[in-house]
Amino acid sequence: MGFLDPEAGGLTPEGADGPADGYAMMGFASLETMEAAFASSAGREAAADTSNFAKAVHRVAVDETVVI
């Protein structure tokens, strides 16, 4: 995965000729909640549909840590 900066308008996956034309940011309470969502029938149906509109799909999980 390359650089993601929505403010700068950039998401360029490694090896790509140019930036992606779109991306989705989804929030989940935990990694387990995300995995359950993607494993659900709706999640599997959505994943199967991506080939109809996306050349490539990269899933990235990011965890937030607050340092004081």
N, C-alpha and C. Protein backbone atom coordinates (compact mmCIF):
# COMPACT_ATOMS: atom_id res chain seq x y z
N MET A 1 0.84 -1.17 0.00
CA MET A 1 0.00 0.00 0.00
C MET A 1 0.88 1.22 0.00
N GLY A 2 0.46 2.19 -0.73
CA GLY A 2 1.23 3.42 -0.83
C GLY A 2 0.79 4.45 0.19
N PHE A 3 0.78 5.68 -0.22
CA PHE A 3 0.53 6.82 0.64
C PHE A 3 -0.94 7.23 0.58
N LEU A 4 -1.55 7.42 1.73
CA LEU A 4 -2.94 7.85 1.80
C LEU A 4 -3.01 9.20 2.50
N ASP A 5 -3.40 10.21 1.76
CA ASP A 5 -3.58 11.54 2.32
C ASP A 5 -4.76 12.20 1.63
N PRO A 6 -5.98 12.05 2.19
CA PRO A 6 -7.16 12.62 1.53
C PRO A 6 -7.05 14.12 1.29
N GLU A 7 -6.39 14.86 2.19
CA GLU A 7 -6.26 16.30 2.02
C GLU A 7 -5.41 16.64 0.80
N ALA A 8 -4.40 15.83 0.54
CA ALA A 8 -3.52 16.07 -0.61
C ALA A 8 -4.07 15.40 -1.86
N GLY A 9 -5.16 14.64 -1.71
CA GLY A 9 -5.78 13.99 -2.85
C GLY A 9 -5.02 12.78 -3.34
N GLY A 10 -4.29 12.13 -2.45
CA GLY A 10 -3.44 11.05 -2.94
C GLY A 10 -3.64 9.70 -2.29
N LEU A 11 -3.82 8.72 -3.11
CA LEU A 11 -3.72 7.32 -2.71
C LEU A 11 -3.08 6.64 -3.90
N THR A 12 -1.83 6.31 -3.78
CA THR A 12 -1.12 5.68 -4.89
C THR A 12 -0.60 4.32 -4.44
N PRO A 13 -1.29 3.24 -4.82
CA PRO A 13 -0.81 1.91 -4.46
C PRO A 13 0.54 1.62 -5.10
N GLU A 14 1.37 0.84 -4.40
CA GLU A 14 2.68 0.47 -4.94
C GLU A 14 2.51 -0.21 -6.29
N GLY A 15 3.33 0.17 -7.25
CA GLY A 15 3.29 -0.44 -8.57
C GLY A 15 2.25 0.14 -9.50
N ALA A 16 1.45 1.08 -9.02
CA ALA A 16 0.40 1.67 -9.86
C ALA A 16 0.99 2.76 -10.75
N ASP A 17 0.36 2.97 -11.91
CA ASP A 17 0.78 4.02 -12.83
C ASP A 17 0.42 5.40 -12.33
N GLY A 18 -0.60 5.48 -11.49
CA GLY A 18 -1.04 6.77 -10.97
C GLY A 18 -1.92 6.55 -9.76
N PRO A 19 -2.45 7.62 -9.22
CA PRO A 19 -3.28 7.50 -8.02
C PRO A 19 -4.60 6.78 -8.30
N ALA A 20 -5.13 6.18 -7.26
CA ALA A 20 -6.43 5.53 -7.34
C ALA A 20 -7.49 6.60 -7.55
N ASP A 21 -8.62 6.22 -8.15
CA ASP A 21 -9.67 7.20 -8.37
C ASP A 21 -10.71 7.20 -7.26
N GLY A 22 -10.50 6.40 -6.24
CA GLY A 22 -11.43 6.41 -5.12
C GLY A 22 -10.97 5.50 -4.02
N TYR A 23 -11.54 5.70 -2.85
CA TYR A 23 -11.26 4.83 -1.72
C TYR A 23 -12.41 4.94 -0.73
N ALA A 24 -12.49 3.97 0.16
CA ALA A 24 -13.52 3.99 1.20
C ALA A 24 -12.84 3.90 2.55
N MET A 25 -13.32 4.70 3.48
CA MET A 25 -12.83 4.64 4.85
C MET A 25 -14.00 4.20 5.72
N MET A 26 -13.82 3.08 6.40
CA MET A 26 -14.87 2.55 7.27
C MET A 26 -14.34 2.43 8.68
N GLY A 27 -15.19 2.69 9.66
CA GLY A 27 -14.79 2.60 11.05
C GLY A 27 -15.49 1.45 11.76
N PHE A 28 -14.74 0.73 12.56
CA PHE A 28 -15.28 -0.39 13.33
C PHE A 28 -14.79 -0.27 14.77
N ALA A 29 -15.54 -0.80 15.70
CA ALA A 29 -15.19 -0.73 17.11
C ALA A 29 -13.93 -1.53 17.43
N SER A 30 -13.68 -2.59 16.65
CA SER A 30 -12.52 -3.43 16.90
C SER A 30 -12.19 -4.22 15.64
N LEU A 31 -11.02 -4.83 15.63
CA LEU A 31 -10.61 -5.67 14.51
C LEU A 31 -11.58 -6.85 14.37
N GLU A 32 -12.01 -7.38 15.49
CA GLU A 32 -12.96 -8.50 15.46
C GLU A 32 -14.29 -8.10 14.85
N THR A 33 -14.75 -6.90 15.14
CA THR A 33 -15.99 -6.39 14.56
C THR A 33 -15.86 -6.23 13.05
N MET A 34 -14.70 -5.73 12.61
CA MET A 34 -14.45 -5.58 11.18
C MET A 34 -14.44 -6.94 10.50
N GLU A 35 -13.72 -7.90 11.07
CA GLU A 35 -13.66 -9.24 10.48
C GLU A 35 -15.04 -9.87 10.40
N ALA A 36 -15.87 -9.68 11.43
CA ALA A 36 -17.23 -10.23 11.42
C ALA A 36 -18.06 -9.57 10.32
N ALA A 37 -17.89 -8.27 10.13
CA ALA A 37 -18.64 -7.56 9.08
C ALA A 37 -18.27 -8.09 7.70
N PHE A 38 -16.98 -8.26 7.43
CA PHE A 38 -16.56 -8.76 6.13
C PHE A 38 -16.93 -10.23 5.93
N ALA A 39 -17.06 -10.98 7.02
CA ALA A 39 -17.42 -12.40 6.92
C ALA A 39 -18.93 -12.61 6.82
N SER A 40 -19.73 -11.58 7.08
CA SER A 40 -21.19 -11.69 7.01
C SER A 40 -21.63 -11.90 5.57
N SER A 41 -22.87 -12.30 5.37
CA SER A 41 -23.37 -12.50 4.01
C SER A 41 -23.32 -11.19 3.21
N ALA A 42 -23.65 -10.07 3.84
CA ALA A 42 -23.58 -8.78 3.14
C ALA A 42 -22.13 -8.42 2.80
N GLY A 43 -21.21 -8.71 3.70
CA GLY A 43 -19.80 -8.43 3.44
C GLY A 43 -19.25 -9.27 2.30
N ARG A 44 -19.62 -10.54 2.28
CA ARG A 44 -19.17 -11.43 1.20
C ARG A 44 -19.78 -11.01 -0.14
N GLU A 45 -21.04 -10.60 -0.12
CA GLU A 45 -21.71 -10.14 -1.35
C GLU A 45 -21.05 -8.86 -1.88
N ALA A 46 -20.74 -7.94 -0.99
CA ALA A 46 -20.07 -6.70 -1.40
C ALA A 46 -18.69 -7.00 -1.96
N ALA A 47 -17.95 -7.89 -1.32
CA ALA A 47 -16.61 -8.25 -1.82
C ALA A 47 -16.69 -8.89 -3.20
N ALA A 48 -17.68 -9.72 -3.43
CA ALA A 48 -17.83 -10.38 -4.72
C ALA A 48 -18.17 -9.37 -5.82
N ASP A 49 -18.80 -8.26 -5.45
CA ASP A 49 -19.22 -7.25 -6.42
C ASP A 49 -18.08 -6.31 -6.83
N THR A 50 -17.02 -6.25 -6.05
CA THR A 50 -15.97 -5.26 -6.32
C THR A 50 -15.34 -5.41 -7.70
N SER A 51 -15.27 -6.62 -8.22
CA SER A 51 -14.67 -6.80 -9.54
C SER A 51 -15.48 -6.11 -10.64
N ASN A 52 -16.73 -5.74 -10.35
CA ASN A 52 -17.56 -5.02 -11.33
C ASN A 52 -17.18 -3.55 -11.47
N PHE A 53 -16.43 -3.00 -10.50
CA PHE A 53 -16.09 -1.58 -10.56
C PHE A 53 -14.68 -1.25 -10.11
N ALA A 54 -13.93 -2.22 -9.61
CA ALA A 54 -12.58 -1.93 -9.13
C ALA A 54 -11.57 -2.88 -9.75
N LYS A 55 -10.48 -2.31 -10.22
CA LYS A 55 -9.41 -3.12 -10.81
C LYS A 55 -8.63 -3.84 -9.71
N ALA A 56 -8.45 -3.18 -8.57
CA ALA A 56 -7.72 -3.76 -7.45
C ALA A 56 -8.31 -3.26 -6.15
N VAL A 57 -8.23 -4.07 -5.12
CA VAL A 57 -8.73 -3.69 -3.80
C VAL A 57 -7.64 -4.01 -2.78
N HIS A 58 -7.33 -3.02 -1.93
CA HIS A 58 -6.35 -3.20 -0.87
C HIS A 58 -7.05 -2.88 0.45
N ARG A 59 -7.03 -3.82 1.37
CA ARG A 59 -7.65 -3.59 2.69
C ARG A 59 -6.54 -3.30 3.68
N VAL A 60 -6.67 -2.19 4.40
CA VAL A 60 -5.69 -1.78 5.38
C VAL A 60 -6.41 -1.53 6.70
N ALA A 61 -5.93 -2.15 7.76
CA ALA A 61 -6.49 -1.91 9.09
C ALA A 61 -5.54 -1.02 9.87
N VAL A 62 -6.10 0.04 10.46
CA VAL A 62 -5.29 0.99 11.24
C VAL A 62 -5.89 1.08 12.62
N ASP A 63 -5.05 1.02 13.62
CA ASP A 63 -5.48 1.11 15.01
C ASP A 63 -4.99 2.44 15.58
N GLU A 64 -5.86 3.13 16.28
CA GLU A 64 -5.51 4.43 16.86
C GLU A 64 -4.98 4.24 18.26
N THR A 65 -3.88 4.90 18.57
CA THR A 65 -3.30 4.86 19.90
C THR A 65 -3.11 6.29 20.38
N VAL A 66 -3.60 6.61 21.55
CA VAL A 66 -3.43 7.95 22.12
C VAL A 66 -2.24 7.93 23.06
N VAL A 67 -1.29 8.82 22.82
CA VAL A 67 -0.09 8.93 23.65
C VAL A 67 -0.15 10.29 24.34
N ILE A 68 -0.06 10.24 25.64
CA ILE A 68 -0.12 11.49 26.42
C ILE A 68 1.24 11.77 27.04
